[in-house]
Protein backbone atom coordinates (compact mmCIF):
# COMPACT_ATOMS: atom_id res chain seq x y z
CA MET A 1 141.35 151.90 141.00
CA MET A 2 138.61 149.25 140.70
CA ARG A 3 136.17 148.85 138.22
CA ILE A 4 132.44 147.46 138.64
CA ARG A 5 129.09 146.27 136.04
CA ALA A 6 126.17 147.80 137.05
CA ASP A 7 122.79 147.36 135.15
CA THR A 8 121.21 150.50 133.80
CA LYS A 9 118.22 149.43 137.29
CA ASP A 10 121.30 150.36 139.52
CA LYS A 11 122.57 153.78 138.26
CA GLU A 12 120.59 155.61 140.84
CA LYS A 13 123.00 153.14 142.98
CA ILE A 14 125.61 155.30 141.75
CA PRO A 15 125.43 158.48 144.37
CA GLU A 16 125.24 155.32 147.58
CA LEU A 17 129.30 154.15 146.12
CA GLY A 18 130.30 158.40 145.74
CA ASP A 19 130.36 158.49 150.05
CA LYS A 20 132.90 156.06 149.61
CA PHE A 21 134.62 155.95 146.42
CA LYS A 22 134.90 158.74 143.74
CA VAL A 23 133.30 157.66 140.65
CA ILE A 24 136.01 157.95 137.69
CA ARG A 25 134.48 156.95 134.75
CA VAL A 26 131.91 155.80 133.88
CA ASP A 27 131.10 154.60 130.51
CA LYS A 28 128.02 152.83 129.07
CA LYS A 29 127.90 149.78 127.24
CA PHE A 30 124.91 147.74 126.45
CA ILE A 31 123.05 147.24 129.14
CA TRP A 32 125.54 147.97 131.56
CA TRP A 33 127.39 150.74 133.00
CA ILE A 34 131.41 150.10 133.44
CA ILE A 35 132.06 152.14 136.53
CA GLU A 36 135.43 152.74 137.42
CA LEU A 37 136.29 153.87 141.21
CA GLU A 38 138.48 155.08 143.00
CA LYS A 39 138.59 154.58 146.88
CA ILE A 40 139.22 157.56 148.35
CA LYS A 41 141.07 157.35 151.83
CA ASP A 42 140.20 158.08 155.60
């Protein structure tokens, strides 16, 4: 499990991350999105 922080301006990049990671949960905290990602095995 990996947790990253992304500015809300970067939220359109989440689908790109979906190619390599499965988005587990996205929590909006203030101006930040807390995105928990699970690495998809190759």
